[in-house]
Amino acid sequence: RYRPQYCGLNSTEYEKLAHETALKNTEPFLERMVEEMQLQLDGACDSIFQVSAMQSGDNDEDASNGDMLSQFVQVLSFDMSSNFVDKNISTNVAGAFSSGWLSSVYASQEFVATLNVGHNYNSTSDNWDSATFILGFNISGTAPKPFAYAEIRGSPLNQYSTDLYDGHLRVVTTEWQWSAVESRTTNKIFVLKVPEANGGQEMVTVGETDHLGKPNESVMAVRFIGPRAYIVTFERTDPFYIYNLTDPAEPKKLGELEIPGFSSYLHPIEIDGVPLILGVGELVNATTGRSGVKISLFDISDPASPTENATFVDEGAYSSAGNDFKAFRYLPVSKKLILPKSEYTWSDNGNFDGFVVYNVGLGKVTPSYEIEHANSYDMYHGCWYNAYMPARSFVFQSKLTTILSHSVISTDLENGDKLWNMSLDEGLENTACASYFIGF
């Protein structure tokens, strides 16, 4: 409506010209689109999900330049056993149109779900509500095939918000309603029935919960384990919920626990036969706000009454493992937890960037030793390259290798003795000095 060719037109004149323009542009647009897709998909139109299967909104009118065709989601597969002759990789590609932007991907042995977050027009309230558009791909064969779709309200937190179990896709979302009076958020578990791979149809919602958590709380962490869901919500305290999804049509809350702070990553472990959830997050003070890294050990042996079996708080510290889950490592045999840790004081004293190795046991989480990747003075005064490595850790033959920011260090896992270290900045031409924490 606001394009130059429509300036000065009344409603009738605008509708007539817009209609003529759309008709004139539609055919060449579709021809170009099909040509481009055939080039990418080797002309295999059966690998493209029908456009007509998806809609943006529940009405015939488009109030906001609908983005039905703004995203073409692709799933690619290739043979891992190939010898890659001439360094060429033969691939198979399938795709489907979707509204919104790609938020997360869930993958199992034979199924992939892509979750696009966008908006759905609600004609009742005349609002554009947040929505998640889900596309299901069958990857049991050589080539992936799109075969199912769904649309649910809200948006998922991350890849752990989605799980396939016993023919049903479970998704946890948070929907924000900023103008709402009672609660600005609605958190729900949706249970969708996945159709047969050769059927190709909608993943119908067969069950959903009421709002999870207290008013205004949002989902901070999710973990599905078999027929159960473990969920953390947060605004001022950390409610830890356990839900039973054995009956897909009737998700039921089994138990809950309320503790200070929140967990942003949940990891299932077992010690001496006791099922536990290891949570990594932050301690939050009602007055001063977030105050440090918090590690919680939840005992879930009685789902009706979960307890915090152990906890450890590192005041003033930050750990990227709370949102970068590849930075987390737990060793079930030695019962050691390896987490990155960072502290920055805006001075040359008290800074830290490295890892902490913890000993985990029933009733205890205790730090064993720290691995320092840079000393405090150099972190503040040093000249660093303008790129850095994310936190990663590897263990091989009782040797712990940690990668972080600007260095790689090898450490004896048992006693913490440093074996060797390597600077990733060495030999690079620094034309301009960058701060140690890029963008900190």
Protein backbone atom coordinates (compact mmCIF):
# COMPACT_ATOMS: atom_id res chain seq x y z
CA ARG A 1 0.00 0.00 0.00
CA TYR A 2 2.92 2.31 0.70
CA ARG A 3 4.83 1.67 -2.51
CA PRO A 4 5.35 4.68 -4.81
CA GLN A 5 2.96 3.48 -7.53
CA TYR A 6 0.06 3.56 -5.06
CA CYS A 7 0.61 7.07 -3.73
CA GLY A 8 -2.42 9.35 -4.05
CA LEU A 9 -4.86 6.56 -4.94
CA ASN A 10 -8.13 6.08 -3.13
CA SER A 11 -9.12 2.64 -1.87
CA THR A 12 -10.98 1.65 -5.04
CA GLU A 13 -8.15 2.76 -7.33
CA TYR A 14 -5.56 1.05 -5.09
CA GLU A 15 -7.41 -2.28 -5.08
CA LYS A 16 -7.79 -2.24 -8.87
CA LEU A 17 -4.13 -1.43 -9.52
CA ALA A 18 -2.89 -3.88 -6.86
CA HIS A 19 -5.03 -6.64 -8.41
CA GLU A 20 -3.65 -5.94 -11.89
CA THR A 21 -0.08 -5.81 -10.57
CA ALA A 22 -0.47 -9.11 -8.70
CA LEU A 23 -1.86 -10.90 -11.76
CA LYS A 24 0.92 -9.53 -13.96
CA ASN A 25 3.68 -10.60 -11.53
CA THR A 26 2.33 -13.93 -10.30
CA GLU A 27 3.01 -16.06 -13.39
CA PRO A 28 6.65 -15.00 -13.93
CA PHE A 29 7.29 -15.26 -10.20
CA LEU A 30 5.99 -18.82 -10.05
CA GLU A 31 7.92 -19.80 -13.18
CA ARG A 32 11.13 -18.42 -11.71
CA MET A 33 10.46 -20.06 -8.34
CA VAL A 34 9.79 -23.50 -9.87
CA GLU A 35 12.88 -23.18 -12.08
CA GLU A 36 15.08 -22.35 -9.08
CA MET A 37 13.65 -25.22 -7.04
CA GLN A 38 14.13 -27.69 -9.88
CA LEU A 39 17.76 -26.69 -10.10
CA GLN A 40 18.20 -27.29 -6.39
CA LEU A 41 16.05 -30.42 -6.18
CA ASP A 42 17.11 -32.00 -9.50
CA GLY A 43 13.62 -31.55 -10.88
CA ALA A 44 12.12 -33.87 -8.27
CA CYS A 45 8.89 -32.06 -7.46
CA ASP A 46 7.81 -34.92 -5.20
CA SER A 47 10.45 -33.62 -2.77
CA ILE A 48 8.54 -30.34 -2.40
CA PHE A 49 5.71 -30.14 0.10
CA GLN A 50 2.49 -28.66 -1.30
CA VAL A 51 2.28 -24.90 -0.86
CA SER A 52 -1.49 -25.15 -0.37
CA ALA A 53 -0.99 -27.32 2.72
CA MET A 54 0.10 -24.35 4.82
CA GLN A 55 -1.63 -21.08 5.60
CA SER A 56 -0.62 -17.99 7.51
CA GLY A 57 -3.61 -17.10 9.66
CA ASP A 58 -7.17 -18.32 9.96
CA ASN A 59 -8.81 -15.88 7.52
CA ASP A 60 -8.89 -15.23 3.78
CA GLU A 61 -7.53 -11.70 4.06
CA ASP A 62 -3.89 -10.87 4.54
CA ALA A 63 -3.56 -7.93 6.90
CA SER A 64 0.21 -7.67 7.04
CA ASN A 65 2.06 -8.69 3.86
CA GLY A 66 1.92 -12.41 4.67
CA ASP A 67 5.18 -14.32 4.47
CA MET A 68 3.88 -17.70 3.34
CA LEU A 69 6.65 -17.93 0.73
CA SER A 70 9.37 -16.09 2.63
CA GLN A 71 11.13 -19.26 3.78
CA PHE A 72 11.93 -22.43 1.88
CA VAL A 73 13.18 -24.95 4.43
CA GLN A 74 15.52 -27.62 3.07
CA VAL A 75 16.73 -30.91 4.51
CA LEU A 76 19.81 -32.40 2.85
CA SER A 77 21.22 -35.93 3.13
CA PHE A 78 24.37 -37.64 1.85
CA ASP A 79 26.03 -41.04 2.17
CA MET A 80 28.60 -41.01 5.00
CA SER A 81 30.22 -44.17 3.61
CA SER A 82 30.94 -42.53 0.25
CA ASN A 83 34.57 -42.29 -0.83
CA PHE A 84 33.87 -38.76 -2.16
CA VAL A 85 35.53 -39.32 -5.52
CA ASP A 86 36.92 -36.07 -6.95
CA LYS A 87 35.93 -34.46 -3.66
CA ASN A 88 32.33 -34.34 -4.84
CA ILE A 89 29.54 -35.10 -2.40
CA SER A 90 26.33 -36.47 -3.88
CA THR A 91 23.35 -35.10 -1.98
CA ASN A 92 19.60 -35.53 -1.79
CA VAL A 93 17.49 -32.50 -0.95
CA ALA A 94 13.87 -32.05 0.11
CA GLY A 95 12.11 -28.84 1.00
CA ALA A 96 8.92 -27.08 1.98
CA PHE A 97 7.64 -23.53 2.28
CA SER A 98 6.98 -22.12 5.70
CA SER A 99 6.13 -18.86 7.38
CA GLY A 100 8.41 -17.29 9.96
CA TRP A 101 12.10 -17.95 10.55
CA LEU A 102 13.84 -21.22 11.35
CA SER A 103 14.08 -21.44 15.15
CA SER A 104 15.24 -24.98 15.86
CA VAL A 105 15.54 -28.47 14.40
CA TYR A 106 14.69 -31.81 16.01
CA ALA A 107 16.13 -35.01 14.53
CA SER A 108 15.72 -38.68 15.41
CA GLN A 109 16.80 -41.80 13.52
CA GLU A 110 14.03 -41.58 10.90
CA PHE A 111 12.32 -38.24 11.47
CA VAL A 112 13.24 -34.56 11.27
CA ALA A 113 11.08 -31.67 12.41
CA THR A 114 11.91 -28.08 11.50
CA LEU A 115 10.28 -25.42 13.65
CA ASN A 116 9.75 -21.96 12.17
CA VAL A 117 8.59 -19.16 14.46
CA GLY A 118 6.32 -16.53 12.99
CA HIS A 119 2.86 -15.05 13.46
CA ASN A 120 -0.69 -16.18 12.83
CA TYR A 121 -3.54 -13.74 12.29
CA ASN A 122 -6.31 -14.14 14.86
CA SER A 123 -9.51 -12.73 13.35
CA THR A 124 -11.32 -12.90 16.69
CA SER A 125 -8.90 -10.61 18.52
CA ASP A 126 -7.61 -8.84 15.37
CA ASN A 127 -4.08 -9.58 16.55
CA TRP A 128 -1.10 -11.36 15.07
CA ASP A 129 -0.30 -14.09 17.62
CA SER A 130 3.08 -15.80 17.83
CA ALA A 131 2.98 -19.24 16.24
CA THR A 132 5.29 -22.12 15.42
CA PHE A 133 5.04 -23.74 11.99
CA ILE A 134 6.33 -27.33 12.07
CA LEU A 135 7.38 -29.36 9.03
CA GLY A 136 7.97 -33.11 9.32
CA PHE A 137 10.46 -34.93 7.06
CA ASN A 138 10.86 -38.69 6.67
CA ILE A 139 14.60 -39.51 6.61
CA SER A 140 14.32 -43.31 6.82
CA GLY A 141 15.33 -43.70 3.16
CA THR A 142 18.15 -42.44 1.01
CA ALA A 143 16.40 -39.17 0.23
CA PRO A 144 14.48 -37.06 2.78
CA LYS A 145 10.78 -36.53 2.08
CA PRO A 146 8.48 -33.86 3.54
CA PHE A 147 5.24 -35.49 4.64
CA ALA A 148 3.62 -33.68 7.58
CA TYR A 149 2.99 -30.23 8.99
CA ALA A 150 1.48 -28.54 12.04
CA GLU A 151 0.88 -25.13 13.55
CA ILE A 152 0.83 -24.41 17.28
CA ARG A 153 0.73 -21.28 19.40
CA GLY A 154 3.81 -19.76 21.00
CA SER A 155 7.46 -20.42 20.27
CA PRO A 156 9.88 -23.11 21.51
CA LEU A 157 12.90 -22.20 23.65
CA ASN A 158 15.47 -24.38 21.86
CA GLN A 159 16.00 -27.85 20.36
CA TYR A 160 15.29 -29.55 23.71
CA SER A 161 11.74 -28.16 23.60
CA THR A 162 10.82 -30.82 21.00
CA ASP A 163 10.79 -34.61 21.21
CA LEU A 164 9.33 -37.56 19.30
CA TYR A 165 8.03 -40.45 21.40
CA ASP A 166 5.71 -43.34 20.54
CA GLY A 167 4.42 -41.72 17.36
CA HIS A 168 3.78 -38.34 18.95
CA LEU A 169 5.72 -35.08 18.70
CA ARG A 170 5.80 -33.18 21.99
CA VAL A 171 6.60 -29.44 21.91
CA VAL A 172 6.87 -26.92 24.76
CA THR A 173 6.23 -23.27 23.86
CA THR A 174 5.91 -19.86 25.46
CA GLU A 175 3.47 -17.32 24.06
CA TRP A 176 3.92 -13.67 25.01
CA GLN A 177 0.90 -11.38 25.37
CA TRP A 178 2.32 -8.03 26.37
CA SER A 179 -1.05 -6.33 26.82
CA ALA A 180 -2.51 -9.08 29.01
CA VAL A 181 -3.48 -8.15 32.58
CA GLU A 182 -3.34 -11.45 34.50
CA SER A 183 -0.27 -12.96 32.81
CA ARG A 184 1.92 -11.81 29.94
CA THR A 185 2.93 -15.40 29.17
CA THR A 186 1.29 -18.72 28.39
CA ASN A 187 3.48 -21.84 28.59
CA LYS A 188 2.14 -25.11 27.23
CA ILE A 189 3.02 -28.64 26.20
CA PHE A 190 1.47 -29.61 22.85
CA VAL A 191 1.22 -33.29 21.84
CA LEU A 192 0.88 -33.89 18.09
CA LYS A 193 0.06 -37.17 16.38
CA VAL A 194 2.57 -37.86 13.60
CA PRO A 195 0.89 -39.48 10.56
CA GLU A 196 2.32 -42.37 8.60
CA ALA A 197 5.29 -41.34 6.47
CA ASN A 198 3.54 -42.24 3.21
CA GLY A 199 0.32 -40.46 4.21
CA GLY A 200 1.32 -36.83 4.19
CA GLN A 201 -1.05 -34.76 6.25
CA GLU A 202 -1.43 -32.52 9.26
CA MET A 203 0.10 -33.44 12.62
CA VAL A 204 -3.08 -33.04 14.66
CA THR A 205 -2.92 -31.75 18.24
CA VAL A 206 -4.28 -34.58 20.39
CA GLY A 207 -3.37 -33.12 23.78
CA GLU A 208 -2.18 -29.93 25.45
CA THR A 209 -1.73 -28.63 28.96
CA ASP A 210 -3.05 -25.55 30.64
CA HIS A 211 -0.56 -22.77 31.43
CA LEU A 212 2.63 -24.11 33.03
CA GLY A 213 4.02 -22.09 35.89
CA LYS A 214 2.90 -18.98 37.69
CA PRO A 215 1.67 -15.80 35.96
CA ASN A 216 4.35 -14.04 33.87
CA GLU A 217 6.80 -16.94 34.09
CA SER A 218 8.43 -18.19 30.90
CA VAL A 219 10.09 -21.51 30.05
CA MET A 220 13.82 -21.56 30.85
CA ALA A 221 14.70 -25.25 30.31
CA VAL A 222 13.09 -28.43 28.98
CA ARG A 223 14.13 -32.08 28.92
CA PHE A 224 12.02 -34.99 27.67
CA ILE A 225 12.92 -38.45 28.99
CA GLY A 226 10.65 -41.21 27.73
CA PRO A 227 7.03 -40.47 28.68
CA ARG A 228 7.97 -37.63 31.02
CA ALA A 229 8.80 -33.95 30.58
CA TYR A 230 10.99 -31.95 32.96
CA ILE A 231 10.41 -28.21 32.67
CA VAL A 232 11.80 -25.13 34.40
CA THR A 233 9.91 -21.84 34.34
CA PHE A 234 11.07 -18.58 35.84
CA GLU A 235 10.27 -15.01 36.76
CA ARG A 236 11.47 -14.63 40.35
CA THR A 237 11.88 -18.24 41.55
CA ASP A 238 12.62 -21.54 39.81
CA PRO A 239 9.65 -23.93 39.62
CA PHE A 240 10.84 -27.35 38.46
CA TYR A 241 7.94 -29.39 37.02
CA ILE A 242 7.55 -33.06 36.11
CA TYR A 243 4.79 -34.02 33.65
CA ASN A 244 3.52 -37.45 32.68
CA LEU A 245 2.81 -37.78 28.95
CA THR A 246 2.01 -41.51 28.92
CA ASP A 247 -1.50 -40.67 27.70
CA PRO A 248 -0.91 -38.27 24.78
CA ALA A 249 -4.43 -36.88 25.12
CA GLU A 250 -4.07 -36.01 28.80
CA PRO A 251 -0.68 -34.62 29.87
CA LYS A 252 -0.67 -34.53 33.68
CA LYS A 253 1.54 -32.76 36.20
CA LEU A 254 3.14 -35.26 38.59
CA GLY A 255 5.14 -32.99 40.87
CA GLU A 256 6.93 -29.69 41.27
CA LEU A 257 9.69 -28.06 43.28
CA GLU A 258 10.25 -24.35 43.91
CA ILE A 259 13.78 -23.11 44.61
CA PRO A 260 15.72 -19.84 44.17
CA GLY A 261 17.27 -19.09 40.79
CA PHE A 262 16.73 -21.08 37.63
CA SER A 263 18.25 -23.82 35.48
CA SER A 264 18.72 -23.20 31.75
CA TYR A 265 20.08 -26.66 30.88
CA LEU A 266 18.90 -30.04 32.26
CA HIS A 267 20.96 -33.21 31.89
CA PRO A 268 19.79 -36.68 33.03
CA ILE A 269 22.30 -38.74 35.02
CA GLU A 270 22.24 -41.68 37.44
CA ILE A 271 24.38 -42.20 40.54
CA ASP A 272 24.25 -45.41 42.56
CA GLY A 273 20.95 -46.33 40.94
CA VAL A 274 19.30 -43.00 41.78
CA PRO A 275 17.82 -41.12 38.77
CA LEU A 276 18.86 -37.47 38.82
CA ILE A 277 18.67 -34.32 36.72
CA LEU A 278 21.76 -32.12 36.67
CA GLY A 279 20.75 -28.49 36.15
CA VAL A 280 23.04 -25.60 35.17
CA GLY A 281 21.77 -22.06 35.44
CA GLU A 282 21.98 -18.98 37.60
CA LEU A 283 21.22 -17.93 41.16
CA VAL A 284 18.93 -14.93 41.28
CA ASN A 285 18.54 -12.57 44.20
CA ALA A 286 15.16 -10.84 44.42
CA THR A 287 16.89 -7.54 45.21
CA THR A 288 20.18 -7.56 43.29
CA GLY A 289 19.24 -9.82 40.37
CA ARG A 290 21.45 -12.55 38.88
CA SER A 291 24.43 -13.22 41.13
CA GLY A 292 26.30 -16.28 39.86
CA VAL A 293 26.37 -19.76 38.36
CA LYS A 294 24.15 -22.29 40.10
CA ILE A 295 24.48 -26.06 39.72
CA SER A 296 21.55 -28.14 41.00
CA LEU A 297 21.18 -31.88 41.40
CA PHE A 298 17.50 -32.85 41.31
CA ASP A 299 16.42 -36.22 42.70
CA ILE A 300 13.54 -37.41 40.48
CA SER A 301 13.18 -40.93 41.92
CA ASP A 302 9.77 -39.85 43.31
CA PRO A 303 8.22 -37.83 40.46
CA ALA A 304 5.42 -36.65 42.74
CA SER A 305 7.93 -35.05 45.10
CA PRO A 306 11.23 -34.05 43.42
CA THR A 307 13.94 -32.68 45.69
CA GLU A 308 17.13 -30.67 45.28
CA ASN A 309 19.66 -33.31 46.33
CA ALA A 310 22.68 -30.97 46.12
CA THR A 311 23.58 -27.50 44.95
CA PHE A 312 26.66 -25.35 44.38
CA VAL A 313 26.79 -21.61 43.66
CA ASP A 314 29.78 -19.80 42.17
CA GLU A 315 29.11 -16.18 43.13
CA GLY A 316 29.94 -13.58 40.48
CA ALA A 317 30.70 -16.16 37.78
CA TYR A 318 29.11 -16.81 34.41
CA SER A 319 29.05 -20.05 32.42
CA SER A 320 28.28 -20.22 28.71
CA ALA A 321 27.08 -23.82 29.24
CA GLY A 322 23.74 -22.34 30.27
CA ASN A 323 22.98 -21.41 26.66
CA ASP A 324 25.69 -23.16 24.62
CA PHE A 325 25.00 -26.79 25.46
CA LYS A 326 28.04 -28.14 23.61
CA ALA A 327 30.11 -26.41 26.30
CA PHE A 328 28.66 -28.82 28.92
CA ARG A 329 30.34 -32.13 29.67
CA TYR A 330 29.53 -34.77 32.30
CA LEU A 331 31.57 -37.98 32.66
CA PRO A 332 29.35 -40.72 34.12
CA VAL A 333 32.19 -43.10 35.04
CA SER A 334 34.36 -40.63 36.97
CA LYS A 335 31.29 -38.55 37.93
CA LYS A 336 33.02 -35.34 36.94
CA LEU A 337 31.29 -32.25 35.60
CA ILE A 338 33.27 -29.90 33.33
CA LEU A 339 31.93 -26.37 32.83
CA PRO A 340 33.38 -23.17 31.35
CA LYS A 341 33.59 -20.25 33.76
CA SER A 342 34.15 -16.53 33.12
CA GLU A 343 34.52 -13.51 35.37
CA TYR A 344 35.32 -9.95 34.34
CA THR A 345 35.89 -7.14 36.83
CA TRP A 346 36.73 -4.24 34.46
CA SER A 347 40.15 -4.07 36.12
CA ASP A 348 43.35 -6.12 36.02
CA ASN A 349 42.47 -8.09 39.17
CA GLY A 350 39.96 -10.86 39.67
CA ASN A 351 39.36 -11.75 36.02
CA PHE A 352 39.03 -15.39 35.02
CA ASP A 353 38.39 -17.32 31.84
CA GLY A 354 38.68 -21.08 31.85
CA PHE A 355 36.99 -24.22 33.12
CA VAL A 356 36.03 -25.74 36.45
CA VAL A 357 36.03 -29.49 37.05
CA TYR A 358 33.50 -30.61 39.68
CA ASN A 359 33.07 -33.87 41.54
CA VAL A 360 29.43 -34.92 41.60
CA GLY A 361 27.90 -37.35 44.06
CA LEU A 362 24.71 -37.94 46.00
CA GLY A 363 24.27 -34.91 48.21
CA LYS A 364 27.28 -33.02 46.87
CA VAL A 365 28.63 -30.95 43.98
CA THR A 366 32.15 -29.77 44.82
CA PRO A 367 34.79 -27.98 42.69
CA SER A 368 37.93 -30.08 42.23
CA TYR A 369 40.20 -27.68 40.30
CA GLU A 370 40.18 -24.81 37.81
CA ILE A 371 41.85 -24.52 34.41
CA GLU A 372 42.94 -20.95 33.69
CA HIS A 373 43.10 -20.04 30.01
CA ALA A 374 44.46 -16.52 30.57
CA ASN A 375 45.72 -14.62 33.60
CA SER A 376 43.79 -11.68 34.97
CA TYR A 377 46.33 -8.97 34.09
CA ASP A 378 46.70 -10.05 30.46
CA MET A 379 42.94 -10.30 30.04
CA TYR A 380 42.62 -6.61 30.89
CA HIS A 381 45.81 -5.14 29.37
CA GLY A 382 46.68 -7.63 26.63
CA CYS A 383 46.40 -7.27 22.86
CA TRP A 384 44.14 -10.00 21.52
CA TYR A 385 43.09 -11.16 18.08
CA ASN A 386 39.58 -10.06 17.08
CA ALA A 387 38.14 -13.57 17.09
CA TYR A 388 37.77 -16.22 19.76
CA MET A 389 36.81 -19.87 20.18
CA PRO A 390 33.66 -21.02 22.02
CA ALA A 391 34.11 -23.23 25.08
CA ARG A 392 34.61 -26.92 24.28
CA SER A 393 36.09 -29.83 26.25
CA PHE A 394 37.23 -33.33 25.23
CA VAL A 395 38.48 -36.31 27.25
CA PHE A 396 40.71 -39.02 25.79
CA GLN A 397 42.73 -41.55 27.80
CA SER A 398 42.23 -39.57 31.04
CA LYS A 399 43.55 -36.39 29.41
CA LEU A 400 41.26 -33.38 29.38
CA THR A 401 41.61 -30.95 26.49
CA THR A 402 39.86 -27.60 26.80
CA ILE A 403 39.41 -24.99 24.07
CA LEU A 404 38.33 -21.48 24.99
CA SER A 405 38.70 -17.95 23.66
CA HIS A 406 42.35 -17.72 22.57
CA SER A 407 44.00 -20.96 23.78
CA VAL A 408 43.96 -24.75 23.98
CA ILE A 409 45.10 -26.52 27.17
CA SER A 410 45.68 -30.19 28.01
CA THR A 411 45.18 -31.23 31.64
CA ASP A 412 45.48 -34.46 33.63
CA LEU A 413 41.83 -35.20 34.38
CA GLU A 414 42.46 -36.78 37.76
CA ASN A 415 44.78 -34.28 39.46
CA GLY A 416 44.44 -31.11 37.36
CA ASP A 417 48.14 -30.86 36.39
CA LYS A 418 48.70 -28.87 33.19
CA LEU A 419 50.34 -30.99 30.46
CA TRP A 420 50.64 -28.43 27.67
CA ASN A 421 49.01 -25.32 26.30
CA MET A 422 48.86 -23.57 22.93
CA SER A 423 48.03 -19.97 22.06
CA LEU A 424 45.62 -19.63 19.14
CA ASP A 425 46.71 -16.00 18.64
CA GLU A 426 50.35 -16.86 18.08
CA GLY A 427 51.56 -16.10 14.56
CA LEU A 428 48.50 -14.03 13.66
CA GLU A 429 48.98 -10.51 12.42
CA ASN A 430 47.13 -8.22 14.79
CA THR A 431 46.65 -4.97 12.95
CA ALA A 432 44.41 -3.72 15.77
CA CYS A 433 44.09 -4.93 19.34
CA ALA A 434 40.76 -6.33 20.48
CA SER A 435 39.53 -6.85 24.01
CA TYR A 436 39.82 -10.35 25.46
CA PHE A 437 36.07 -10.90 25.57
CA ILE A 438 34.88 -9.84 22.13
CA GLY A 439 31.72 -7.82 22.56
CA PHE A 440 31.75 -8.23 26.34
